[in-house]
Protein backbone atom coordinates (compact mmCIF):
# COMPACT_ATOMS: atom_id res chain seq x y z
CA MET A 1 100.96 233.66 6.45
CA TRP A 2 100.23 235.92 3.50
CA ALA A 3 96.62 236.59 2.55
CA PHE A 4 95.28 238.79 -0.21
CA HIS A 5 91.61 239.63 -0.44
CA ALA A 6 90.85 241.55 -3.63
CA LYS A 7 87.44 242.72 -2.40
CA GLU A 8 88.67 243.93 0.99
CA ASN A 9 90.82 246.89 1.89
CA THR A 10 93.27 245.07 4.13
CA LEU A 11 95.28 248.24 4.74
CA SER A 12 92.53 249.58 6.98
CA LYS A 13 92.48 246.43 9.13
CA ILE A 14 94.22 246.38 12.47
CA ALA A 15 95.84 243.19 13.77
CA LEU A 16 97.09 242.59 17.29
CA VAL A 17 99.54 240.04 18.55
CA VAL A 18 99.45 239.82 22.33
CA ASP A 19 102.11 237.75 24.08
CA TYR A 20 101.32 236.91 27.71
CA ARG A 21 103.79 235.54 30.23
CA VAL A 22 101.52 233.45 32.43
CA LYS A 23 102.39 232.22 35.90
CA PRO A 24 103.01 228.47 35.58
CA ASP A 25 100.39 227.40 38.09
CA ARG A 26 97.75 229.73 36.58
CA ARG A 27 97.81 228.76 32.90
CA GLU A 28 94.59 226.71 32.85
CA ALA A 29 92.66 229.39 34.76
CA PHE A 30 94.07 232.06 32.45
CA LEU A 31 93.02 230.06 29.39
CA ARG A 32 89.45 229.79 30.68
CA VAL A 33 89.29 233.58 31.17
CA ILE A 34 90.90 234.49 27.85
CA ARG A 35 88.91 231.96 25.78
CA ALA A 36 85.66 233.34 27.21
CA HIS A 37 86.88 236.85 26.35
CA ALA A 38 87.71 235.81 22.79
CA ALA A 39 84.32 234.15 22.24
CA GLY A 40 82.42 237.09 23.71
CA THR A 41 84.35 239.64 21.69
CA LEU A 42 83.70 237.77 18.44
CA ALA A 43 80.00 237.40 19.28
CA ASP A 44 79.37 240.97 20.43
CA GLU A 45 81.75 243.21 18.47
CA ASP A 46 80.91 243.36 14.76
CA GLY A 47 84.28 244.97 14.06
CA CYS A 48 86.22 242.01 15.47
CA LEU A 49 86.89 239.76 12.47
CA GLN A 50 89.14 237.19 14.11
CA PHE A 51 90.25 236.36 17.66
CA ASP A 52 92.49 233.35 18.13
CA VAL A 53 94.01 232.03 21.35
CA LEU A 54 97.36 230.37 20.62
CA VAL A 55 99.03 227.99 23.08
CA PRO A 56 102.72 227.39 22.32
CA ARG A 57 103.60 223.70 22.50
CA GLU A 58 107.06 224.20 23.95
CA SER A 59 106.51 227.10 26.33
CA ALA A 60 104.34 226.48 29.39
CA ASP A 61 104.46 230.10 30.51
CA ARG A 62 103.20 231.80 27.34
CA VAL A 63 99.83 232.33 25.65
CA LEU A 64 99.41 234.43 22.53
CA LEU A 65 96.41 236.14 21.00
CA TYR A 66 95.91 237.04 17.36
CA GLU A 67 93.10 239.54 16.86
CA VAL A 68 91.91 241.29 13.68
CA TYR A 69 89.68 244.37 13.68
CA ARG A 70 87.91 245.86 10.66
CA ASP A 71 89.48 249.27 11.15
CA ALA A 72 90.86 251.70 13.72
CA ALA A 73 87.36 252.59 14.92
CA ALA A 74 86.55 248.94 15.67
CA TYR A 75 89.85 248.54 17.50
CA ALA A 76 89.17 251.69 19.53
CA LEU A 77 85.70 250.42 20.43
CA HIS A 78 87.21 247.16 21.66
CA GLY A 79 89.69 249.12 23.78
CA ARG A 80 86.80 250.85 25.55
CA SER A 81 84.71 247.71 26.08
CA THR A 82 83.58 246.76 29.55
CA ARG A 83 84.42 243.14 28.69
CA LEU A 84 88.08 244.06 28.19
CA VAL A 85 88.21 245.92 31.51
CA ALA A 86 86.62 242.96 33.33
CA THR A 87 88.87 240.42 31.60
CA ARG A 88 92.02 242.33 32.49
CA ALA A 89 90.90 242.49 36.12
CA ALA A 90 90.13 238.75 36.11
CA TYR A 91 93.58 237.72 34.88
CA ALA A 92 95.68 240.40 36.60
CA ASP A 93 97.10 238.02 39.22
CA MET A 94 97.62 235.23 36.67
CA ILE A 95 100.29 236.90 34.51
CA ASP A 96 103.82 238.16 34.96
CA GLY A 97 103.52 240.52 31.99
CA ARG A 98 102.39 240.99 28.41
CA THR A 99 103.52 242.58 25.17
CA ILE A 100 100.98 244.01 22.73
CA THR A 101 102.03 244.56 19.11
CA VAL A 102 99.59 246.57 16.97
CA CYS A 103 99.96 246.04 13.22
CA SER A 104 98.45 247.38 10.01
CA MET A 105 97.52 244.61 7.62
CA GLY A 106 98.64 244.81 4.04
């Protein structure tokens, strides 16, 4: 998807795509944890502009996140958040791995 916002400097925005490999019997529990994390991050972190949880239709062992942060400072703040630490601890035994791709927007 291509988006252009004339009044925003999209080059300073940071986008993340996180691809989780979730243990088959833990997907619903993982979704509860990660959806709560997404909602809390959006509510409490002004620099988080978007946080979507994506559930692939044809892959029962994957969940993806799409996150957008205002700038590098907002992304760094998120990385130090106690919510992120607690969320990672909560889902640690639910996943087989994850890949995080950090992108500049523009």
